[in-house]
Amino acid sequence: MSAGARSALLLFAGLIAGGVLSPLLLPWIPGRAFSVKGAL
């Protein structure tokens, strides 16, 4: 209930970071490669 829910939340956070934040902030995130922008 605690660690499991936290893990699912963090995986979803990775999706939001790479699938939402990275595209929206694409010109301003450092790096040229999309993979680097997503990792950051």
PDB file of all heavy atoms in Angstrom:
ATOM      1  N   MET A   1       0.811  -1.209   0.000  1.00  0.00           N
ATOM      2  CA  MET A   1       0.000   0.000   0.000  1.00  0.00           C
ATOM      3  C   MET A   1       0.849   1.266   0.000  1.00  0.00           C
ATOM      4  O   MET A   1       0.475   2.271  -0.591  1.00  0.00           O
ATOM      5  CB  MET A   1      -0.935   0.003   1.221  1.00  0.00           C
ATOM      6  CG  MET A   1      -1.906  -1.160   1.238  1.00  0.00           C
ATOM      7  SD  MET A   1      -3.022  -1.154  -0.193  1.00  0.00           S
ATOM      8  CE  MET A   1      -3.922   0.370   0.106  1.00  0.00           C
ATOM      9  N   SER A   2       2.004   1.205   0.662  1.00  0.00           N
ATOM     10  CA  SER A   2       2.846   2.403   0.753  1.00  0.00           C
ATOM     11  C   SER A   2       3.885   2.445  -0.359  1.00  0.00           C
ATOM     12  O   SER A   2       3.849   3.301  -1.257  1.00  0.00           O
ATOM     13  CB  SER A   2       3.524   2.461   2.120  1.00  0.00           C
ATOM     14  OG  SER A   2       4.297   1.274   2.339  1.00  0.00           O
ATOM     15  N   ALA A   3       4.821   1.482  -0.339  1.00  0.00           N
ATOM     16  CA  ALA A   3       5.892   1.466  -1.334  1.00  0.00           C
ATOM     17  C   ALA A   3       5.352   1.166  -2.736  1.00  0.00           C
ATOM     18  O   ALA A   3       5.846   1.697  -3.735  1.00  0.00           O
ATOM     19  CB  ALA A   3       6.953   0.434  -0.953  1.00  0.00           C
ATOM     20  N   GLY A   4       4.314   0.319  -2.830  1.00  0.00           N
ATOM     21  CA  GLY A   4       3.745  -0.016  -4.136  1.00  0.00           C
ATOM     22  C   GLY A   4       3.095   1.186  -4.786  1.00  0.00           C
ATOM     23  O   GLY A   4       3.296   1.458  -5.975  1.00  0.00           O
ATOM     24  N   ALA A   5       2.292   1.903  -4.009  1.00  0.00           N
ATOM     25  CA  ALA A   5       1.643   3.110  -4.535  1.00  0.00           C
ATOM     26  C   ALA A   5       2.682   4.157  -4.927  1.00  0.00           C
ATOM     27  O   ALA A   5       2.555   4.842  -5.945  1.00  0.00           O
ATOM     28  CB  ALA A   5       0.680   3.669  -3.500  1.00  0.00           C
ATOM     29  N   ARG A   6       3.741   4.263  -4.100  1.00  0.00           N
ATOM     30  CA  ARG A   6       4.805   5.217  -4.393  1.00  0.00           C
ATOM     31  C   ARG A   6       5.504   4.853  -5.709  1.00  0.00           C
ATOM     32  O   ARG A   6       5.804   5.720  -6.523  1.00  0.00           O
ATOM     33  CB  ARG A   6       5.809   5.227  -3.246  1.00  0.00           C
ATOM     34  CG  ARG A   6       6.987   6.177  -3.474  1.00  0.00           C
ATOM     35  CD  ARG A   6       7.803   6.320  -2.218  1.00  0.00           C
ATOM     36  NE  ARG A   6       8.526   5.105  -1.882  1.00  0.00           N
ATOM     37  CZ  ARG A   6       8.412   4.443  -0.737  1.00  0.00           C
ATOM     38  NH1 ARG A   6       7.563   4.854   0.185  1.00  0.00           N
ATOM     39  NH2 ARG A   6       9.134   3.355  -0.494  1.00  0.00           N
ATOM     40  N   SER A   7       5.739   3.577  -5.934  1.00  0.00           N
ATOM     41  CA  SER A   7       6.414   3.135  -7.151  1.00  0.00           C
ATOM     42  C   SER A   7       5.591   3.445  -8.393  1.00  0.00           C
ATOM     43  O   SER A   7       6.109   3.929  -9.401  1.00  0.00           O
ATOM     44  CB  SER A   7       6.690   1.625  -7.072  1.00  0.00           C
ATOM     45  OG  SER A   7       7.504   1.313  -5.958  1.00  0.00           O
ATOM     46  N   ALA A   8       4.282   3.152  -8.321  1.00  0.00           N
ATOM     47  CA  ALA A   8       3.404   3.440  -9.454  1.00  0.00           C
ATOM     48  C   ALA A   8       3.375   4.936  -9.738  1.00  0.00           C
ATOM     49  O   ALA A   8       3.398   5.371 -10.900  1.00  0.00           O
ATOM     50  CB  ALA A   8       2.000   2.917  -9.177  1.00  0.00           C
ATOM     51  N   LEU A   9       3.345   5.741  -8.681  1.00  0.00           N
ATOM     52  CA  LEU A   9       3.336   7.194  -8.836  1.00  0.00           C
ATOM     53  C   LEU A   9       4.613   7.686  -9.520  1.00  0.00           C
ATOM     54  O   LEU A   9       4.577   8.546 -10.398  1.00  0.00           O
ATOM     55  CB  LEU A   9       3.181   7.859  -7.465  1.00  0.00           C
ATOM     56  CG  LEU A   9       3.293   9.395  -7.447  1.00  0.00           C
ATOM     57  CD1 LEU A   9       2.151  10.008  -8.234  1.00  0.00           C
ATOM     58  CD2 LEU A   9       3.289   9.918  -6.006  1.00  0.00           C
ATOM     59  N   LEU A  10       5.748   7.117  -9.131  1.00  0.00           N
ATOM     60  CA  LEU A  10       7.017   7.544  -9.701  1.00  0.00           C
ATOM     61  C   LEU A  10       7.147   7.143 -11.174  1.00  0.00           C
ATOM     62  O   LEU A  10       7.698   7.892 -11.988  1.00  0.00           O
ATOM     63  CB  LEU A  10       8.173   6.959  -8.887  1.00  0.00           C
ATOM     64  CG  LEU A  10       8.407   7.662  -7.546  1.00  0.00           C
ATOM     65  CD1 LEU A  10       9.255   6.802  -6.619  1.00  0.00           C
ATOM     66  CD2 LEU A  10       9.072   9.016  -7.771  1.00  0.00           C
ATOM     67  N   LEU A  11       6.659   5.948 -11.523  1.00  0.00           N
ATOM     68  CA  LEU A  11       6.668   5.561 -12.932  1.00  0.00           C
ATOM     69  C   LEU A  11       5.805   6.511 -13.763  1.00  0.00           C
ATOM     70  O   LEU A  11       6.181   6.914 -14.866  1.00  0.00           O
ATOM     71  CB  LEU A  11       6.161   4.132 -13.092  1.00  0.00           C
ATOM     72  CG  LEU A  11       7.125   3.013 -12.687  1.00  0.00           C
ATOM     73  CD1 LEU A  11       6.440   1.659 -12.832  1.00  0.00           C
ATOM     74  CD2 LEU A  11       8.398   3.055 -13.536  1.00  0.00           C
ATOM     75  N   PHE A  12       4.648   6.868 -13.228  1.00  0.00           N
ATOM     76  CA  PHE A  12       3.772   7.817 -13.919  1.00  0.00           C
ATOM     77  C   PHE A  12       4.452   9.179 -14.036  1.00  0.00           C
ATOM     78  O   PHE A  12       4.302   9.881 -15.042  1.00  0.00           O
ATOM     79  CB  PHE A  12       2.450   7.944 -13.165  1.00  0.00           C
ATOM     80  CG  PHE A  12       1.473   8.867 -13.822  1.00  0.00           C
ATOM     81  CD1 PHE A  12       0.830   8.511 -14.992  1.00  0.00           C
ATOM     82  CD2 PHE A  12       1.197  10.114 -13.267  1.00  0.00           C
ATOM     83  CE1 PHE A  12      -0.070   9.376 -15.604  1.00  0.00           C
ATOM     84  CE2 PHE A  12       0.297  10.977 -13.855  1.00  0.00           C
ATOM     85  CZ  PHE A  12      -0.344  10.608 -15.042  1.00  0.00           C
ATOM     86  N   ALA A  13       5.219   9.564 -13.004  1.00  0.00           N
ATOM     87  CA  ALA A  13       5.963  10.825 -13.057  1.00  0.00           C
ATOM     88  C   ALA A  13       6.979  10.810 -14.197  1.00  0.00           C
ATOM     89  O   ALA A  13       7.215  11.829 -14.850  1.00  0.00           O
ATOM     90  CB  ALA A  13       6.666  11.078 -11.724  1.00  0.00           C
ATOM     91  N   GLY A  14       7.586   9.637 -14.445  1.00  0.00           N
ATOM     92  CA  GLY A  14       8.505   9.515 -15.574  1.00  0.00           C
ATOM     93  C   GLY A  14       7.805   9.723 -16.901  1.00  0.00           C
ATOM     94  O   GLY A  14       8.340  10.364 -17.814  1.00  0.00           O
ATOM     95  N   LEU A  15       6.586   9.189 -17.018  1.00  0.00           N
ATOM     96  CA  LEU A  15       5.802   9.385 -18.235  1.00  0.00           C
ATOM     97  C   LEU A  15       5.461  10.862 -18.432  1.00  0.00           C
ATOM     98  O   LEU A  15       5.560  11.392 -19.541  1.00  0.00           O
ATOM     99  CB  LEU A  15       4.518   8.552 -18.168  1.00  0.00           C
ATOM    100  CG  LEU A  15       3.487   8.761 -19.287  1.00  0.00           C
ATOM    101  CD1 LEU A  15       4.089   8.424 -20.645  1.00  0.00           C
ATOM    102  CD2 LEU A  15       2.238   7.932 -19.029  1.00  0.00           C
ATOM    103  N   ILE A  16       5.046  11.524 -17.359  1.00  0.00           N
ATOM    104  CA  ILE A  16       4.711  12.949 -17.446  1.00  0.00           C
ATOM    105  C   ILE A  16       5.946  13.772 -17.814  1.00  0.00           C
ATOM    106  O   ILE A  16       5.880  14.689 -18.640  1.00  0.00           O
ATOM    107  CB  ILE A  16       4.123  13.446 -16.108  1.00  0.00           C
ATOM    108  CG1 ILE A  16       2.781  12.750 -15.829  1.00  0.00           C
ATOM    109  CG2 ILE A  16       3.946  14.951 -16.119  1.00  0.00           C
ATOM    110  CD1 ILE A  16       1.722  13.005 -16.878  1.00  0.00           C
ATOM    111  N   ALA A  17       7.084  13.427 -17.208  1.00  0.00           N
ATOM    112  CA  ALA A  17       8.317  14.173 -17.492  1.00  0.00           C
ATOM    113  C   ALA A  17       8.732  14.033 -18.957  1.00  0.00           C
ATOM    114  O   ALA A  17       9.094  15.013 -19.615  1.00  0.00           O
ATOM    115  CB  ALA A  17       9.437  13.698 -16.572  1.00  0.00           C
ATOM    116  N   GLY A  18       8.691  12.797 -19.461  1.00  0.00           N
ATOM    117  CA  GLY A  18       9.147  12.574 -20.830  1.00  0.00           C
ATOM    118  C   GLY A  18       8.102  12.846 -21.885  1.00  0.00           C
ATOM    119  O   GLY A  18       8.433  13.298 -22.982  1.00  0.00           O
ATOM    120  N   GLY A  19       6.820  12.577 -21.553  1.00  0.00           N
ATOM    121  CA  GLY A  19       5.764  12.710 -22.555  1.00  0.00           C
ATOM    122  C   GLY A  19       5.035  14.026 -22.538  1.00  0.00           C
ATOM    123  O   GLY A  19       4.311  14.339 -23.488  1.00  0.00           O
ATOM    124  N   VAL A  20       5.187  14.809 -21.463  1.00  0.00           N
ATOM    125  CA  VAL A  20       4.484  16.093 -21.371  1.00  0.00           C
ATOM    126  C   VAL A  20       5.461  17.256 -21.198  1.00  0.00           C
ATOM    127  O   VAL A  20       5.505  18.176 -22.023  1.00  0.00           O
ATOM    128  CB  VAL A  20       3.464  16.084 -20.206  1.00  0.00           C
ATOM    129  CG1 VAL A  20       2.747  17.436 -20.124  1.00  0.00           C
ATOM    130  CG2 VAL A  20       2.445  14.969 -20.399  1.00  0.00           C
ATOM    131  N   LEU A  21       6.249  17.210 -20.119  1.00  0.00           N
ATOM    132  CA  LEU A  21       7.153  18.337 -19.850  1.00  0.00           C
ATOM    133  C   LEU A  21       8.203  18.520 -20.941  1.00  0.00           C
ATOM    134  O   LEU A  21       8.456  19.639 -21.390  1.00  0.00           O
ATOM    135  CB  LEU A  21       7.851  18.137 -18.492  1.00  0.00           C
ATOM    136  CG  LEU A  21       6.978  18.273 -17.246  1.00  0.00           C
ATOM    137  CD1 LEU A  21       7.829  18.128 -15.994  1.00  0.00           C
ATOM    138  CD2 LEU A  21       6.262  19.622 -17.236  1.00  0.00           C
ATOM    139  N   SER A  22       8.809  17.423 -21.361  1.00  0.00           N
ATOM    140  CA  SER A  22       9.868  17.538 -22.374  1.00  0.00           C
ATOM    141  C   SER A  22       9.367  18.142 -23.689  1.00  0.00           C
ATOM    142  O   SER A  22      10.001  19.051 -24.233  1.00  0.00           O
ATOM    143  CB  SER A  22      10.510  16.172 -22.629  1.00  0.00           C
ATOM    144  OG  SER A  22      11.178  15.719 -21.478  1.00  0.00           O
ATOM    145  N   PRO A  23       8.220  17.676 -24.247  1.00  0.00           N
ATOM    146  CA  PRO A  23       7.725  18.311 -25.467  1.00  0.00           C
ATOM    147  C   PRO A  23       7.358  19.783 -25.285  1.00  0.00           C
ATOM    148  O   PRO A  23       7.674  20.618 -26.137  1.00  0.00           O
ATOM    149  CB  PRO A  23       6.487  17.477 -25.823  1.00  0.00           C
ATOM    150  CG  PRO A  23       6.723  16.158 -25.191  1.00  0.00           C
ATOM    151  CD  PRO A  23       7.451  16.467 -23.914  1.00  0.00           C
ATOM    152  N   LEU A  24       6.689  20.093 -24.165  1.00  0.00           N
ATOM    153  CA  LEU A  24       6.253  21.472 -23.960  1.00  0.00           C
ATOM    154  C   LEU A  24       7.430  22.427 -23.756  1.00  0.00           C
ATOM    155  O   LEU A  24       7.418  23.563 -24.235  1.00  0.00           O
ATOM    156  CB  LEU A  24       5.296  21.558 -22.766  1.00  0.00           C
ATOM    157  CG  LEU A  24       3.962  20.804 -22.915  1.00  0.00           C
ATOM    158  CD1 LEU A  24       3.061  21.083 -21.713  1.00  0.00           C
ATOM    159  CD2 LEU A  24       3.252  21.218 -24.198  1.00  0.00           C
ATOM    160  N   LEU A  25       8.439  21.955 -23.043  1.00  0.00           N
ATOM    161  CA  LEU A  25       9.604  22.812 -22.741  1.00  0.00           C
ATOM    162  C   LEU A  25      10.783  22.510 -23.669  1.00  0.00           C
ATOM    163  O   LEU A  25      11.922  22.862 -23.349  1.00  0.00           O
ATOM    164  CB  LEU A  25      10.026  22.606 -21.283  1.00  0.00           C
ATOM    165  CG  LEU A  25       8.937  22.857 -20.233  1.00  0.00           C
ATOM    166  CD1 LEU A  25       9.472  22.571 -18.834  1.00  0.00           C
ATOM    167  CD2 LEU A  25       8.423  24.294 -20.315  1.00  0.00           C
ATOM    168  N   LEU A  26      10.501  21.900 -24.794  1.00  0.00           N
ATOM    169  CA  LEU A  26      11.541  21.413 -25.697  1.00  0.00           C
ATOM    170  C   LEU A  26      12.627  22.441 -26.037  1.00  0.00           C
ATOM    171  O   LEU A  26      13.820  22.128 -25.950  1.00  0.00           O
ATOM    172  CB  LEU A  26      10.881  20.896 -26.981  1.00  0.00           C
ATOM    173  CG  LEU A  26      11.770  20.093 -27.932  1.00  0.00           C
ATOM    174  CD1 LEU A  26      12.227  18.786 -27.286  1.00  0.00           C
ATOM    175  CD2 LEU A  26      11.008  19.796 -29.229  1.00  0.00           C
ATOM    176  N   PRO A  27      12.272  23.680 -26.406  1.00  0.00           N
ATOM    177  CA  PRO A  27      13.329  24.621 -26.800  1.00  0.00           C
ATOM    178  C   PRO A  27      14.204  25.095 -25.647  1.00  0.00           C
ATOM    179  O   PRO A  27      15.298  25.606 -25.875  1.00  0.00           O
ATOM    180  CB  PRO A  27      12.543  25.805 -27.402  1.00  0.00           C
ATOM    181  CG  PRO A  27      11.165  25.299 -27.630  1.00  0.00           C
ATOM    182  CD  PRO A  27      10.936  24.260 -26.582  1.00  0.00           C
ATOM    183  N   TRP A  28      13.707  24.936 -24.416  1.00  0.00           N
ATOM    184  CA  TRP A  28      14.409  25.521 -23.270  1.00  0.00           C
ATOM    185  C   TRP A  28      15.170  24.505 -22.427  1.00  0.00           C
ATOM    186  O   TRP A  28      15.998  24.894 -21.592  1.00  0.00           O
ATOM    187  CB  TRP A  28      13.402  26.280 -22.395  1.00  0.00           C
ATOM    188  CG  TRP A  28      12.670  27.323 -23.185  1.00  0.00           C
ATOM    189  CD1 TRP A  28      13.165  28.514 -23.643  1.00  0.00           C
ATOM    190  CD2 TRP A  28      11.306  27.261 -23.626  1.00  0.00           C
ATOM    191  NE1 TRP A  28      12.213  29.194 -24.345  1.00  0.00           N
ATOM    192  CE2 TRP A  28      11.059  28.457 -24.361  1.00  0.00           C
ATOM    193  CE3 TRP A  28      10.288  26.317 -23.489  1.00  0.00           C
ATOM    194  CZ2 TRP A  28       9.815  28.719 -24.939  1.00  0.00           C
ATOM    195  CZ3 TRP A  28       9.054  26.582 -24.073  1.00  0.00           C
ATOM    196  CH2 TRP A  28       8.826  27.768 -24.783  1.00  0.00           C
ATOM    197  N   ILE A  29      14.912  23.221 -22.590  1.00  0.00           N
ATOM    198  CA  ILE A  29      15.652  22.211 -21.823  1.00  0.00           C
ATOM    199  C   ILE A  29      17.032  22.044 -22.454  1.00  0.00           C
ATOM    200  O   ILE A  29      17.142  21.901 -23.681  1.00  0.00           O
ATOM    201  CB  ILE A  29      14.911  20.860 -21.820  1.00  0.00           C
ATOM    202  CG1 ILE A  29      13.522  21.018 -21.206  1.00  0.00           C
ATOM    203  CG2 ILE A  29      15.709  19.810 -21.045  1.00  0.00           C
ATOM    204  CD1 ILE A  29      12.682  19.755 -21.247  1.00  0.00           C
ATOM    205  N   PRO A  30      18.096  22.053 -21.671  1.00  0.00           N
ATOM    206  CA  PRO A  30      19.446  21.923 -22.239  1.00  0.00           C
ATOM    207  C   PRO A  30      19.630  20.614 -22.997  1.00  0.00           C
ATOM    208  O   PRO A  30      18.973  19.609 -22.719  1.00  0.00           O
ATOM    209  CB  PRO A  30      20.354  21.953 -20.992  1.00  0.00           C
ATOM    210  CG  PRO A  30      19.534  22.614 -19.938  1.00  0.00           C
ATOM    211  CD  PRO A  30      18.112  22.237 -20.218  1.00  0.00           C
ATOM    212  N   GLY A  31      20.536  20.624 -23.951  1.00  0.00           N
ATOM    213  CA  GLY A  31      20.844  19.429 -24.728  1.00  0.00           C
ATOM    214  C   GLY A  31      20.172  19.454 -26.083  1.00  0.00           C
ATOM    215  O   GLY A  31      19.151  20.110 -26.282  1.00  0.00           O
ATOM    216  N   ARG A  32      20.736  18.721 -27.015  1.00  0.00           N
ATOM    217  CA  ARG A  32      20.182  18.640 -28.362  1.00  0.00           C
ATOM    218  C   ARG A  32      19.344  17.376 -28.544  1.00  0.00           C
ATOM    219  O   ARG A  32      18.299  17.400 -29.189  1.00  0.00           O
ATOM    220  CB  ARG A  32      21.330  18.655 -29.384  1.00  0.00           C
ATOM    221  CG  ARG A  32      20.868  18.647 -30.827  1.00  0.00           C
ATOM    222  CD  ARG A  32      22.055  18.690 -31.780  1.00  0.00           C
ATOM    223  NE  ARG A  32      21.626  18.698 -33.158  1.00  0.00           N
ATOM    224  CZ  ARG A  32      21.293  19.775 -33.852  1.00  0.00           C
ATOM    225  NH1 ARG A  32      21.332  20.967 -33.254  1.00  0.00           N
ATOM    226  NH2 ARG A  32      20.917  19.717 -35.119  1.00  0.00           N
ATOM    227  N   ALA A  33      19.805  16.268 -27.964  1.00  0.00           N
ATOM    228  CA  ALA A  33      19.109  14.988 -28.111  1.00  0.00           C
ATOM    229  C   ALA A  33      17.840  14.972 -27.256  1.00  0.00           C
ATOM    230  O   ALA A  33      17.841  15.415 -26.106  1.00  0.00           O
ATOM    231  CB  ALA A  33      20.032  13.844 -27.710  1.00  0.00           C
ATOM    232  N   PHE A  34      16.768  14.430 -27.814  1.00  0.00           N
ATOM    233  CA  PHE A  34      15.514  14.330 -27.080  1.00  0.00           C
ATOM    234  C   PHE A  34      15.667  13.422 -25.870  1.00  0.00           C
ATOM    235  O   PHE A  34      15.051  13.657 -24.828  1.00  0.00           O
ATOM    236  CB  PHE A  34      14.421  13.790 -28.010  1.00  0.00           C
ATOM    237  CG  PHE A  34      13.866  14.804 -28.965  1.00  0.00           C
ATOM    238  CD1 PHE A  34      14.690  15.522 -29.805  1.00  0.00           C
ATOM    239  CD2 PHE A  34      12.507  15.048 -29.017  1.00  0.00           C
ATOM    240  CE1 PHE A  34      14.185  16.447 -30.691  1.00  0.00           C
ATOM    241  CE2 PHE A  34      11.975  15.973 -29.908  1.00  0.00           C
ATOM    242  CZ  PHE A  34      12.817  16.683 -30.750  1.00  0.00           C
ATOM    243  N   SER A  35      16.456  12.361 -26.008  1.00  0.00           N
ATOM    244  CA  SER A  35      16.660  11.438 -24.896  1.00  0.00           C
ATOM    245  C   SER A  35      17.328  12.138 -23.713  1.00  0.00           C
ATOM    246  O   SER A  35      16.990  11.871 -22.553  1.00  0.00           O
ATOM    247  CB  SER A  35      17.510  10.253 -25.345  1.00  0.00           C
ATOM    248  OG  SER A  35      18.730  10.682 -25.915  1.00  0.00           O
ATOM    249  N   VAL A  36      18.245  13.028 -23.995  1.00  0.00           N
ATOM    250  CA  VAL A  36      18.916  13.785 -22.932  1.00  0.00           C
ATOM    251  C   VAL A  36      17.941  14.746 -22.265  1.00  0.00           C
ATOM    252  O   VAL A  36      17.905  14.882 -21.038  1.00  0.00           O
ATOM    253  CB  VAL A  36      20.129  14.546 -23.495  1.00  0.00           C
ATOM    254  CG1 VAL A  36      20.727  15.479 -22.446  1.00  0.00           C
ATOM    255  CG2 VAL A  36      21.194  13.567 -23.984  1.00  0.00           C
ATOM    256  N   LYS A  37      17.132  15.430 -23.086  1.00  0.00           N
ATOM    257  CA  LYS A  37      16.135  16.352 -22.536  1.00  0.00           C
ATOM    258  C   LYS A  37      15.167  15.608 -21.617  1.00  0.00           C
ATOM    259  O   LYS A  37      14.802  16.102 -20.544  1.00  0.00           O
ATOM    260  CB  LYS A  37      15.367  17.015 -23.682  1.00  0.00           C
ATOM    261  CG  LYS A  37      16.187  17.995 -24.527  1.00  0.00           C
ATOM    262  CD  LYS A  37      15.369  18.526 -25.685  1.00  0.00           C
ATOM    263  CE  LYS A  37      16.147  19.493 -26.555  1.00  0.00           C
ATOM    264  NZ  LYS A  37      16.383  20.788 -25.897  1.00  0.00           N
ATOM    265  N   GLY A  38      14.750  14.407 -22.036  1.00  0.00           N
ATOM    266  CA  GLY A  38      13.840  13.623 -21.206  1.00  0.00           C
ATOM    267  C   GLY A  38      14.480  13.183 -19.915  1.00  0.00           C
ATOM    268  O   GLY A  38      13.849  13.235 -18.842  1.00  0.00           O
ATOM    269  N   ALA A  39      15.726  12.724 -19.978  1.00  0.00           N
ATOM    270  CA  ALA A  39      16.434  12.294 -18.773  1.00  0.00           C
ATOM    271  C   ALA A  39      16.571  13.441 -17.778  1.00  0.00           C
ATOM    272  O   ALA A  39      16.387  13.256 -16.565  1.00  0.00           O
ATOM    273  CB  ALA A  39      17.810  11.739 -19.144  1.00  0.00           C
ATOM    274  N   LEU A  40      16.874  14.629 -18.281  1.00  0.00           N
ATOM    275  CA  LEU A  40      16.994  15.798 -17.400  1.00  0.00           C
ATOM    276  C   LEU A  40      15.652  16.145 -16.764  1.00  0.00           C
ATOM    277  O   LEU A  40      15.592  16.491 -15.578  1.00  0.00           O
ATOM    278  CB  LEU A  40      17.522  16.997 -18.199  1.00  0.00           C
ATOM    279  CG  LEU A  40      18.981  16.910 -18.661  1.00  0.00           C
ATOM    280  CD1 LEU A  40      19.336  18.100 -19.547  1.00  0.00           C
ATOM    281  CD2 LEU A  40      19.921  16.853 -17.454  1.00  0.00           C
TER     282      LEU A  40
END
